[in-house]
Amino acid sequence: TIDYNKYTEQVQFGSVVETKNNYYFISAALGEIGMDDGSTIYALSTEAPIYQKLEGKRKGDTFTMKDEEIEILDVR
């Protein structure tokens, strides 16, 4: 269960993570979700390899994916 009233600065289950190119929602492995405004959010589980790179990180931290260093712009 996701507690929508709980605020955290670290990436964990229920977080929305914003990077320059993507948004990630840590929830269930639902894949790519198209939003009404034309943007895309990737819903991924805590079992996903990318989550292992994101877990516990905060706004301003970076992680590497496909030889690219990616900065976390926000965590909600």
N, C-alpha and C. Protein backbone atom coordinates (compact mmCIF):
# COMPACT_ATOMS: atom_id res chain seq x y z
N THR A 1 0.84 -1.18 0.00
CA THR A 1 0.00 0.00 0.00
C THR A 1 0.89 1.25 0.00
N ILE A 2 0.55 2.18 -0.84
CA ILE A 2 1.28 3.44 -0.93
C ILE A 2 0.59 4.48 -0.06
N ASP A 3 1.33 5.11 0.83
CA ASP A 3 0.80 6.17 1.69
C ASP A 3 1.05 7.50 0.99
N TYR A 4 0.03 8.08 0.39
CA TYR A 4 0.16 9.32 -0.38
C TYR A 4 0.44 10.54 0.50
N ASN A 5 0.19 10.42 1.79
CA ASN A 5 0.43 11.54 2.70
C ASN A 5 1.83 11.55 3.28
N LYS A 6 2.57 10.49 3.07
CA LYS A 6 3.93 10.39 3.60
C LYS A 6 4.89 11.08 2.64
N TYR A 7 5.69 11.99 3.18
CA TYR A 7 6.67 12.71 2.36
C TYR A 7 8.06 12.18 2.70
N THR A 8 8.84 11.95 1.69
CA THR A 8 10.22 11.51 1.90
C THR A 8 11.13 12.19 0.90
N GLU A 9 12.34 12.42 1.30
CA GLU A 9 13.32 13.02 0.40
C GLU A 9 14.16 11.95 -0.28
N GLN A 10 14.04 10.71 0.17
CA GLN A 10 14.82 9.61 -0.40
C GLN A 10 13.94 8.74 -1.28
N VAL A 11 14.52 8.18 -2.33
CA VAL A 11 13.78 7.29 -3.22
C VAL A 11 13.46 6.01 -2.47
N GLN A 12 12.17 5.68 -2.47
CA GLN A 12 11.68 4.45 -1.85
C GLN A 12 10.34 4.10 -2.49
N PHE A 13 9.73 3.01 -2.06
CA PHE A 13 8.44 2.61 -2.57
C PHE A 13 7.45 3.76 -2.42
N GLY A 14 6.77 4.10 -3.50
CA GLY A 14 5.80 5.19 -3.51
C GLY A 14 6.35 6.50 -4.03
N SER A 15 7.67 6.60 -4.23
CA SER A 15 8.29 7.84 -4.71
C SER A 15 8.06 8.06 -6.19
N VAL A 16 8.01 9.34 -6.56
CA VAL A 16 8.08 9.74 -7.96
C VAL A 16 9.43 10.43 -8.11
N VAL A 17 10.22 9.94 -9.05
CA VAL A 17 11.58 10.44 -9.26
C VAL A 17 11.63 11.16 -10.60
N GLU A 18 12.09 12.40 -10.60
CA GLU A 18 12.21 13.19 -11.82
C GLU A 18 13.68 13.29 -12.21
N THR A 19 13.97 12.98 -13.48
CA THR A 19 15.28 13.21 -14.06
C THR A 19 15.09 14.11 -15.29
N LYS A 20 16.16 14.48 -15.94
CA LYS A 20 16.07 15.36 -17.11
C LYS A 20 15.19 14.74 -18.20
N ASN A 21 15.30 13.43 -18.39
CA ASN A 21 14.59 12.78 -19.49
C ASN A 21 13.36 11.97 -19.10
N ASN A 22 13.24 11.58 -17.83
CA ASN A 22 12.17 10.65 -17.46
C ASN A 22 11.63 10.93 -16.06
N TYR A 23 10.44 10.38 -15.85
CA TYR A 23 9.85 10.30 -14.52
C TYR A 23 9.69 8.82 -14.20
N TYR A 24 9.98 8.45 -12.95
CA TYR A 24 9.82 7.07 -12.51
C TYR A 24 8.91 7.06 -11.29
N PHE A 25 7.95 6.15 -11.29
CA PHE A 25 7.07 5.96 -10.14
C PHE A 25 7.39 4.59 -9.57
N ILE A 26 7.87 4.56 -8.33
CA ILE A 26 8.25 3.32 -7.69
C ILE A 26 6.99 2.71 -7.09
N SER A 27 6.49 1.67 -7.75
CA SER A 27 5.20 1.08 -7.36
C SER A 27 5.17 -0.37 -7.80
N ALA A 28 4.34 -0.65 -8.76
CA ALA A 28 4.25 -1.97 -9.38
C ALA A 28 4.85 -1.89 -10.77
N ALA A 29 5.32 -2.99 -11.27
CA ALA A 29 5.95 -3.04 -12.59
C ALA A 29 4.89 -2.93 -13.68
N LEU A 30 4.45 -1.70 -13.95
CA LEU A 30 3.43 -1.46 -14.97
C LEU A 30 4.02 -0.96 -16.28
N GLY A 31 5.30 -0.61 -16.26
CA GLY A 31 5.96 -0.15 -17.48
C GLY A 31 5.66 1.30 -17.80
N GLU A 32 5.63 1.59 -19.08
CA GLU A 32 5.45 2.95 -19.57
C GLU A 32 3.99 3.36 -19.53
N ILE A 33 3.72 4.53 -18.92
CA ILE A 33 2.35 5.04 -18.82
C ILE A 33 2.30 6.42 -19.45
N GLY A 34 1.44 6.59 -20.45
CA GLY A 34 1.25 7.89 -21.10
C GLY A 34 0.32 8.76 -20.29
N MET A 35 0.73 9.99 -20.05
CA MET A 35 -0.08 10.93 -19.28
C MET A 35 -0.89 11.81 -20.23
N ASP A 36 -1.92 12.46 -19.71
CA ASP A 36 -2.80 13.32 -20.51
C ASP A 36 -2.05 14.47 -21.17
N ASP A 37 -0.98 14.96 -20.52
CA ASP A 37 -0.24 16.08 -21.07
C ASP A 37 0.81 15.66 -22.11
N GLY A 38 0.83 14.37 -22.44
CA GLY A 38 1.77 13.87 -23.44
C GLY A 38 3.07 13.35 -22.86
N SER A 39 3.30 13.57 -21.57
CA SER A 39 4.52 13.06 -20.94
C SER A 39 4.37 11.57 -20.64
N THR A 40 5.46 10.97 -20.26
CA THR A 40 5.49 9.55 -19.94
C THR A 40 6.08 9.36 -18.56
N ILE A 41 5.52 8.44 -17.81
CA ILE A 41 6.09 8.05 -16.52
C ILE A 41 6.29 6.54 -16.57
N TYR A 42 7.38 6.08 -16.00
CA TYR A 42 7.70 4.66 -15.98
C TYR A 42 7.43 4.12 -14.58
N ALA A 43 6.42 3.27 -14.47
CA ALA A 43 6.10 2.65 -13.18
C ALA A 43 6.93 1.38 -13.06
N LEU A 44 7.77 1.34 -12.02
CA LEU A 44 8.63 0.18 -11.85
C LEU A 44 8.59 -0.30 -10.41
N SER A 45 8.90 -1.56 -10.25
CA SER A 45 8.85 -2.17 -8.92
C SER A 45 10.20 -2.04 -8.22
N THR A 46 10.20 -2.38 -6.96
CA THR A 46 11.44 -2.37 -6.18
C THR A 46 12.35 -3.53 -6.58
N GLU A 47 11.87 -4.41 -7.44
CA GLU A 47 12.68 -5.52 -7.94
C GLU A 47 13.41 -5.16 -9.24
N ALA A 48 13.07 -4.02 -9.84
CA ALA A 48 13.67 -3.62 -11.11
C ALA A 48 15.13 -3.21 -10.91
N PRO A 49 16.02 -3.59 -11.83
CA PRO A 49 17.43 -3.22 -11.71
C PRO A 49 17.66 -1.72 -11.55
N ILE A 50 16.87 -0.89 -12.23
CA ILE A 50 17.06 0.55 -12.10
C ILE A 50 16.72 1.03 -10.69
N TYR A 51 15.77 0.36 -10.03
CA TYR A 51 15.44 0.75 -8.66
C TYR A 51 16.65 0.54 -7.75
N GLN A 52 17.41 -0.49 -8.00
CA GLN A 52 18.59 -0.75 -7.18
C GLN A 52 19.58 0.42 -7.28
N LYS A 53 19.59 1.10 -8.42
CA LYS A 53 20.45 2.28 -8.61
C LYS A 53 19.86 3.53 -7.96
N LEU A 54 18.52 3.58 -7.85
CA LEU A 54 17.82 4.74 -7.33
C LEU A 54 17.60 4.70 -5.82
N GLU A 55 17.47 3.53 -5.26
CA GLU A 55 17.07 3.36 -3.86
C GLU A 55 17.93 4.20 -2.91
N GLY A 56 17.25 4.99 -2.08
CA GLY A 56 17.92 5.78 -1.06
C GLY A 56 18.53 7.08 -1.55
N LYS A 57 18.53 7.31 -2.87
CA LYS A 57 19.11 8.54 -3.40
C LYS A 57 18.17 9.71 -3.15
N ARG A 58 18.72 10.92 -3.26
CA ARG A 58 17.97 12.16 -3.01
C ARG A 58 18.12 13.12 -4.20
N LYS A 59 17.36 14.18 -4.17
CA LYS A 59 17.47 15.25 -5.16
C LYS A 59 18.93 15.70 -5.21
N GLY A 60 19.47 15.79 -6.43
CA GLY A 60 20.86 16.21 -6.63
C GLY A 60 21.84 15.05 -6.76
N ASP A 61 21.45 13.86 -6.28
CA ASP A 61 22.31 12.69 -6.45
C ASP A 61 22.29 12.24 -7.90
N THR A 62 23.25 11.42 -8.27
CA THR A 62 23.33 10.90 -9.64
C THR A 62 23.39 9.37 -9.60
N PHE A 63 23.06 8.77 -10.74
CA PHE A 63 23.22 7.34 -10.94
C PHE A 63 23.63 7.12 -12.39
N THR A 64 24.17 5.98 -12.69
CA THR A 64 24.64 5.68 -14.04
C THR A 64 23.75 4.62 -14.68
N MET A 65 23.34 4.90 -15.92
CA MET A 65 22.54 3.95 -16.70
C MET A 65 23.02 4.01 -18.14
N LYS A 66 23.39 2.86 -18.67
CA LYS A 66 23.89 2.77 -20.05
C LYS A 66 25.03 3.76 -20.29
N ASP A 67 25.99 3.77 -19.39
CA ASP A 67 27.18 4.62 -19.46
C ASP A 67 26.88 6.12 -19.42
N GLU A 68 25.68 6.49 -18.99
CA GLU A 68 25.31 7.90 -18.87
C GLU A 68 25.05 8.23 -17.40
N GLU A 69 25.66 9.32 -16.93
CA GLU A 69 25.40 9.76 -15.56
C GLU A 69 24.16 10.63 -15.57
N ILE A 70 23.18 10.27 -14.74
CA ILE A 70 21.89 10.94 -14.72
C ILE A 70 21.66 11.56 -13.34
N GLU A 71 21.28 12.83 -13.33
CA GLU A 71 21.02 13.52 -12.08
C GLU A 71 19.55 13.43 -11.71
N ILE A 72 19.29 13.22 -10.45
CA ILE A 72 17.92 13.22 -9.93
C ILE A 72 17.54 14.68 -9.65
N LEU A 73 16.54 15.17 -10.36
CA LEU A 73 16.12 16.56 -10.23
C LEU A 73 15.14 16.76 -9.07
N ASP A 74 14.34 15.73 -8.77
CA ASP A 74 13.40 15.86 -7.67
C ASP A 74 12.92 14.48 -7.26
N VAL A 75 12.55 14.36 -5.99
CA VAL A 75 11.94 13.15 -5.44
C VAL A 75 10.70 13.59 -4.70
N ARG A 76 9.57 13.01 -5.02
CA ARG A 76 8.30 13.35 -4.36
C ARG A 76 7.70 12.11 -3.76
